[in-house]
């Protein structure tokens, strides 16, 4: 059945990674209430950043098995890349897509609030994802959602230190 739908295992893994990434992106983009009645200024941007992180977190928290699968597909791609360098493209595609998702949110927040970032959005996006990866992996280990929410508050504050 797999070979009927996909050319090979790598094609299956690539589509799986895309589906997981799209689901996370949709968790933030489809909730229009976050973007309604937005005012200008840094405080409004911070509220948008924190609300977006919360929406992302709600999706992550509701799907722990999918989050674990995300780490497993990344690890698989990295482990297999020595024998088949093309497999590294699976992990790179996943992170590139997630980077663009976070960058889009940061740019949109900047635009609607009339603020600016003091570092390139690509740098801020990559940093944000690196922290979120660590937060999610730790949560998968200890299942402490209260700690995650405090960490997301800290992350939002860190992100905002690069806004003006």
Protein backbone atom coordinates (compact mmCIF):
# COMPACT_ATOMS: atom_id res chain seq x y z
CA UNK A 1 0.00 0.00 0.00
CA UNK A 2 2.82 2.43 0.88
CA UNK A 3 4.55 1.79 -2.45
CA UNK A 4 1.28 2.39 -4.26
CA UNK A 5 0.93 5.87 -2.71
CA UNK A 6 4.61 6.84 -2.42
CA UNK A 7 7.66 6.31 -4.57
CA UNK A 8 9.72 5.16 -1.60
CA UNK A 9 10.13 5.48 2.17
CA UNK A 10 11.79 8.90 1.82
CA UNK A 11 8.77 10.24 -0.08
CA UNK A 12 6.51 8.95 2.70
CA UNK A 13 8.70 10.58 5.37
CA UNK A 14 8.77 13.87 3.45
CA UNK A 15 4.98 13.97 3.21
CA UNK A 16 4.66 13.07 6.88
CA UNK A 17 6.95 15.94 7.85
CA UNK A 18 4.99 18.34 5.63
CA UNK A 19 1.69 17.25 7.18
CA UNK A 20 2.98 17.70 10.73
CA UNK A 21 4.42 21.12 9.91
CA UNK A 22 1.24 22.28 8.15
CA UNK A 23 -0.84 21.24 11.15
CA UNK A 24 1.29 23.35 13.47
CA UNK A 25 1.15 26.33 11.10
CA UNK A 26 -2.62 26.05 10.82
CA UNK A 27 -2.99 26.04 14.61
CA UNK A 28 -1.77 29.64 14.67
CA UNK A 29 -3.05 30.98 11.36
CA UNK A 30 -6.63 29.75 11.54
CA UNK A 31 -7.44 31.50 14.82
CA UNK A 32 -8.38 34.96 13.58
CA UNK A 33 -9.33 36.25 17.04
CA UNK A 34 -5.64 36.83 17.82
CA UNK A 35 -5.39 39.33 14.97
CA UNK A 36 -8.66 41.23 15.64
CA UNK A 37 -8.67 44.70 17.18
CA UNK A 38 -4.88 44.91 17.25
CA UNK A 39 -3.47 48.25 18.30
CA UNK A 40 -0.10 49.69 17.39
CA UNK A 41 2.97 49.57 19.56
CA UNK A 42 5.33 47.21 21.28
CA UNK A 43 2.88 46.09 23.97
CA UNK A 44 0.40 45.00 21.33
CA UNK A 45 3.16 43.12 19.50
CA UNK A 46 4.10 41.33 22.72
CA UNK A 47 0.47 40.29 23.20
CA UNK A 48 0.39 38.93 19.63
CA UNK A 49 3.64 37.03 20.08
CA UNK A 50 2.51 35.49 23.35
CA UNK A 51 -0.94 34.63 21.97
CA UNK A 52 0.65 32.97 18.93
CA UNK A 53 2.97 30.95 21.15
CA UNK A 54 -0.05 29.88 23.22
CA UNK A 55 -1.98 28.74 20.13
CA UNK A 56 1.03 26.78 18.96
CA UNK A 57 1.39 25.28 22.41
CA UNK A 58 -2.27 24.22 22.60
CA UNK A 59 -1.78 22.23 19.39
CA UNK A 60 1.45 20.69 20.68
CA UNK A 61 -0.06 19.81 24.05
CA UNK A 62 -3.04 18.13 22.40
CA UNK A 63 -0.83 15.95 20.20
CA UNK A 64 2.12 14.59 22.19
CA UNK A 65 2.40 11.49 20.00
CA UNK A 66 2.71 13.66 16.89
CA UNK A 67 5.36 15.80 18.55
CA UNK A 68 7.38 12.69 19.37
CA UNK A 69 6.95 11.55 15.77
CA UNK A 70 8.38 14.89 14.61
CA UNK A 71 11.54 14.28 16.64
CA UNK A 72 11.70 10.72 15.37
CA UNK A 73 11.46 11.76 11.72
CA UNK A 74 14.18 14.35 12.24
CA UNK A 75 16.42 11.83 13.97
CA UNK A 76 15.73 9.27 11.23
CA UNK A 77 16.69 11.78 8.52
CA UNK A 78 19.89 12.76 10.33
CA UNK A 79 20.89 9.17 11.10
CA UNK A 80 20.28 7.98 7.54
CA UNK A 81 21.93 11.01 5.90
CA UNK A 82 25.41 9.48 6.18
CA UNK A 83 24.39 6.63 3.89
CA UNK A 84 22.03 8.70 1.75
CA UNK A 85 22.73 12.44 1.88
CA UNK A 86 19.36 13.16 0.24
CA UNK A 87 17.66 12.05 3.45
CA UNK A 88 19.02 15.15 5.16
CA UNK A 89 16.65 17.10 2.92
CA UNK A 90 13.73 15.70 4.93
CA UNK A 91 14.92 17.35 8.15
CA UNK A 92 16.00 20.51 6.37
CA UNK A 93 12.63 20.85 4.67
CA UNK A 94 10.87 20.47 8.01
CA UNK A 95 12.95 23.18 9.67
CA UNK A 96 12.79 25.48 6.64
CA UNK A 97 9.01 25.27 6.62
CA UNK A 98 8.77 25.87 10.37
CA UNK A 99 11.21 28.79 10.11
CA UNK A 100 9.03 30.39 7.46
CA UNK A 101 5.92 29.85 9.59
CA UNK A 102 7.40 31.64 12.59
CA UNK A 103 8.92 34.33 10.36
CA UNK A 104 5.53 34.97 8.76
CA UNK A 105 3.93 35.39 12.18
CA UNK A 106 6.69 37.74 13.36
CA UNK A 107 6.49 39.81 10.17
CA UNK A 108 2.70 39.99 10.29
CA UNK A 109 2.81 41.05 13.94
CA UNK A 110 5.38 43.72 13.11
CA UNK A 111 3.29 45.02 10.22
CA UNK A 112 -0.04 45.22 12.05
CA UNK A 113 1.48 46.90 15.12
CA UNK A 114 3.72 49.34 13.26
CA UNK A 115 6.81 48.12 15.10
CA UNK A 116 10.22 46.93 13.93
CA UNK A 117 12.60 44.07 14.71
CA UNK A 118 16.19 45.03 15.52
CA UNK A 119 17.57 41.72 14.18
CA UNK A 120 16.69 39.93 10.95
CA UNK A 121 13.38 38.07 11.20
CA UNK A 122 15.10 34.91 9.93
CA UNK A 123 17.47 35.01 12.91
CA UNK A 124 14.63 35.59 15.36
CA UNK A 125 12.57 32.81 13.80
CA UNK A 126 15.42 30.31 13.97
CA UNK A 127 16.12 31.21 17.60
CA UNK A 128 12.44 30.93 18.51
CA UNK A 129 12.17 27.48 16.96
CA UNK A 130 15.32 26.28 18.69
CA UNK A 131 13.88 27.30 22.06
CA UNK A 132 10.48 25.77 21.25
CA UNK A 133 12.17 22.51 20.25
CA UNK A 134 13.85 22.36 23.62
CA UNK A 135 10.67 23.27 25.49
CA UNK A 136 8.65 20.59 23.68
CA UNK A 137 11.27 17.89 24.16
CA UNK A 138 11.49 18.68 27.87
CA UNK A 139 7.68 18.62 28.12
CA UNK A 140 7.59 15.21 26.45
CA UNK A 141 9.91 14.04 29.23
CA UNK A 142 8.29 15.62 32.28
CA UNK A 143 4.75 16.56 31.08
CA UNK A 144 4.84 19.83 33.04
CA UNK A 145 2.51 22.15 31.11
CA UNK A 146 2.56 24.79 33.84
CA UNK A 147 6.34 25.11 33.47
CA UNK A 148 5.93 25.36 29.70
CA UNK A 149 3.58 28.31 30.00
CA UNK A 150 6.08 30.13 32.21
CA UNK A 151 8.83 29.32 29.69
CA UNK A 152 6.66 30.70 26.87
CA UNK A 153 6.28 33.92 28.87
CA UNK A 154 10.08 34.11 29.14
CA UNK A 155 10.45 33.33 25.42
CA UNK A 156 7.97 36.06 24.48
CA UNK A 157 9.96 38.51 26.62
CA UNK A 158 13.20 37.44 24.96
CA UNK A 159 11.69 37.88 21.51
CA UNK A 160 10.37 41.29 22.49
CA UNK A 161 13.84 42.45 23.54
CA UNK A 162 14.47 42.64 19.78
CA UNK A 163 11.46 44.85 19.03
CA UNK A 164 11.19 48.61 18.85
